[in-house]
Protein backbone atom coordinates (compact mmCIF):
# COMPACT_ATOMS: atom_id res chain seq x y z
CA MET A 1 -18.00 -55.41 -40.12
CA GLN A 2 -17.42 -52.30 -42.17
CA ARG A 3 -20.59 -50.73 -40.75
CA VAL A 4 -19.37 -51.34 -37.19
CA SER A 5 -16.01 -49.77 -38.03
CA LEU A 6 -17.72 -46.75 -39.59
CA LEU A 7 -20.03 -46.39 -36.57
CA LEU A 8 -17.08 -46.55 -34.14
CA THR A 9 -15.20 -43.95 -36.16
CA VAL A 10 -18.20 -41.59 -36.15
CA LEU A 11 -18.71 -42.05 -32.39
CA THR A 12 -15.00 -41.44 -31.75
CA LEU A 13 -15.06 -38.21 -33.79
CA LEU A 14 -18.24 -37.13 -32.01
CA ASN A 15 -16.61 -37.77 -28.61
CA LEU A 16 -13.50 -35.80 -29.64
CA GLY A 17 -15.72 -32.92 -30.74
CA LEU A 18 -17.60 -32.93 -27.41
CA LEU A 19 -14.29 -33.06 -25.51
CA ALA A 20 -12.91 -30.09 -27.47
CA PHE A 21 -16.11 -28.12 -26.83
CA THR A 22 -16.06 -28.93 -23.07
CA LEU A 23 -12.42 -27.92 -22.68
CA SER A 24 -13.02 -24.63 -24.50
CA GLN A 25 -15.86 -23.75 -22.12
CA ARG A 26 -13.94 -24.15 -18.83
CA ALA A 27 -13.83 -21.15 -16.51
CA THR A 28 -10.80 -18.92 -16.45
CA PRO A 29 -8.65 -19.42 -13.33
CA VAL A 30 -8.64 -16.79 -10.60
CA SER A 31 -5.31 -15.03 -10.40
CA ALA A 32 -3.72 -13.55 -7.28
CA ASP A 33 -3.54 -10.08 -8.81
CA SER A 34 -7.29 -9.79 -9.36
CA THR A 35 -9.27 -7.37 -7.21
CA PRO A 36 -10.73 -9.19 -4.18
CA ALA A 37 -14.43 -9.02 -3.40
CA ILE A 38 -15.54 -6.75 -0.58
CA LEU A 39 -17.73 -7.95 2.26
CA ARG A 40 -20.11 -5.16 3.28
CA GLY A 41 -22.60 -5.02 6.10
CA SER A 42 -23.56 -3.20 9.27
CA GLY A 43 -22.05 -5.84 11.56
CA LEU A 44 -20.13 -9.09 11.73
CA GLU A 45 -20.46 -11.94 14.21
CA ILE A 46 -18.09 -14.89 14.57
CA VAL A 47 -19.32 -17.98 16.40
CA ASP A 48 -17.50 -21.06 17.69
CA SER A 49 -18.27 -24.68 16.76
CA THR A 50 -21.19 -24.73 19.25
CA GLY A 51 -22.78 -21.58 17.82
CA LYS A 52 -21.79 -19.29 20.72
CA LEU A 53 -20.86 -15.72 19.81
CA ARG A 54 -17.09 -15.26 20.23
CA ALA A 55 -16.34 -12.01 18.35
CA SER A 56 -18.32 -9.16 16.84
CA ILE A 57 -17.95 -5.87 15.04
CA THR A 58 -21.00 -3.68 15.48
CA VAL A 59 -22.04 -0.20 14.38
CA ILE A 60 -24.01 1.29 17.27
CA PRO A 61 -26.33 4.16 16.30
CA ALA A 62 -26.25 7.49 18.08
CA GLY A 63 -28.49 7.68 21.14
CA PRO A 64 -28.60 7.01 24.87
CA ALA A 65 -26.50 4.17 26.29
CA ARG A 66 -28.43 0.88 26.33
CA ARG A 67 -27.93 -2.58 27.79
CA ALA A 68 -28.01 -5.70 25.62
CA ASP A 69 -31.74 -6.12 26.39
CA GLY A 70 -32.46 -2.60 25.05
CA SER A 71 -33.15 -0.94 28.41
CA LEU A 72 -31.43 2.35 29.24
CA SER A 73 -28.19 1.88 31.16
CA ASP A 74 -27.82 5.57 32.00
CA GLN A 75 -30.82 7.55 33.23
CA SER A 76 -29.10 10.93 32.68
CA GLY A 77 -30.42 11.15 29.12
CA LYS A 78 -26.94 11.76 27.67
CA ILE A 79 -26.86 11.12 23.92
CA TYR A 80 -23.75 9.34 22.64
CA PRO A 81 -22.50 9.60 19.04
CA GLU A 82 -22.54 6.68 16.63
CA ALA A 83 -19.75 4.23 17.44
CA VAL A 84 -18.07 1.15 16.03
CA VAL A 85 -17.29 -1.57 18.60
CA PHE A 86 -15.09 -4.65 18.19
CA ARG A 87 -15.53 -7.31 20.91
CA LEU A 88 -13.67 -10.54 21.63
CA ILE A 89 -15.83 -12.71 23.86
CA ARG A 90 -14.80 -15.41 26.34
CA PRO A 91 -16.39 -18.88 26.29
CA ASP A 92 -18.59 -17.82 29.25
CA GLY A 93 -20.14 -15.05 27.10
CA ARG A 94 -18.37 -12.06 28.68
CA PRO A 95 -16.48 -9.63 26.45
CA SER A 96 -12.76 -9.68 27.39
CA VAL A 97 -11.46 -7.27 24.78
CA LYS A 98 -13.41 -4.28 23.55
CA ILE A 99 -12.15 -1.64 21.14
CA ALA A 100 -14.49 1.24 20.36
CA THR A 101 -14.31 4.43 18.37
CA SER A 102 -16.62 7.36 17.62
CA GLU A 103 -16.20 10.96 16.51
CA GLN A 104 -15.88 11.81 20.22
CA GLY A 105 -12.97 9.45 20.96
CA SER A 106 -11.70 5.90 21.26
CA GLY A 107 -11.04 3.33 23.94
CA ILE A 108 -9.68 -0.11 24.65
CA ASP A 109 -11.00 -2.26 27.52
CA LEU A 110 -9.19 -5.43 28.59
CA SER A 111 -10.86 -7.65 31.17
CA GLY A 112 -9.19 -10.12 33.49
CA GLY A 113 -10.46 -13.57 34.35
CA VAL A 114 -11.66 -12.41 37.78
CA ASP A 115 -14.41 -9.81 38.27
CA PRO A 116 -14.05 -6.88 38.28
CA THR A 117 -10.41 -6.94 37.10
CA TYR A 118 -9.90 -4.80 34.00
CA MET A 119 -8.03 -1.89 32.46
CA ILE A 120 -9.22 0.87 30.19
CA LEU A 121 -7.20 3.06 27.85
CA ASN A 122 -9.39 5.99 26.84
CA ALA A 123 -9.16 9.07 24.62
CA ASP A 124 -12.35 11.09 25.03
CA GLY A 125 -12.57 14.51 23.44
CA GLY A 126 -9.38 16.27 24.47
CA ASP A 127 -8.74 14.08 27.51
CA THR A 128 -6.87 10.81 27.88
CA SER A 129 -6.82 8.35 30.75
CA PHE A 130 -5.65 4.91 31.79
CA THR A 131 -7.71 3.10 34.43
CA LEU A 132 -6.74 -0.04 36.33
CA ILE A 133 -9.18 -1.97 38.52
CA ASN A 134 -8.06 -5.02 40.50
CA LYS A 135 -10.06 -8.03 41.73
CA ASP A 136 -10.91 -6.20 44.99
CA GLY A 137 -12.48 -3.31 43.03
CA LYS A 138 -9.68 -0.88 43.87
CA GLN A 139 -9.35 1.62 41.06
CA HIS A 140 -6.29 3.61 39.98
CA VAL A 141 -6.74 6.29 37.28
CA PHE A 142 -3.87 7.89 35.40
CA ASP A 143 -4.48 10.93 33.23
CA ALA A 144 -2.39 13.62 31.55
CA ASN A 145 -3.12 16.15 34.33
CA SER A 146 -1.76 13.96 37.12
CA LEU A 147 0.88 11.54 35.97
CA ALA A 148 1.07 10.12 39.49
CA GLY A 149 -2.54 9.05 39.18
CA THR A 150 -5.50 9.27 41.53
CA HIS A 151 -6.98 6.59 43.77
CA LYS A 152 -10.71 5.97 44.07
């Protein structure tokens, strides 16, 4: 009986030693005042629960304007500067909000639910403009030179 008691005592002390060692090895808690990690990359895409792209931030390299498939969208050969574009995309895959900036200027495009309804706020070089297009395709452009606007 004494051997069993001695064995239980030794096992209990061994367990207490292992417990003390385990508790001393636990990770230090993260505090709110620590420096947060930085996420770095050349783009970010956010998808919905079905995997469809719903938002993106993209760095577009300098070069001619291109469509999503890579083909040239403008045959004039104009070279555009590098730009950063933020897009919010509708469930049907069409961008509804687009904010873009480059060394040349910045712009905000807001699309309506009906094609081709949208508005554009643009600062390009030294010029600014505000364009409205309704569902019938009628366009009204306001700029700093003609506050009354022009019709196209």
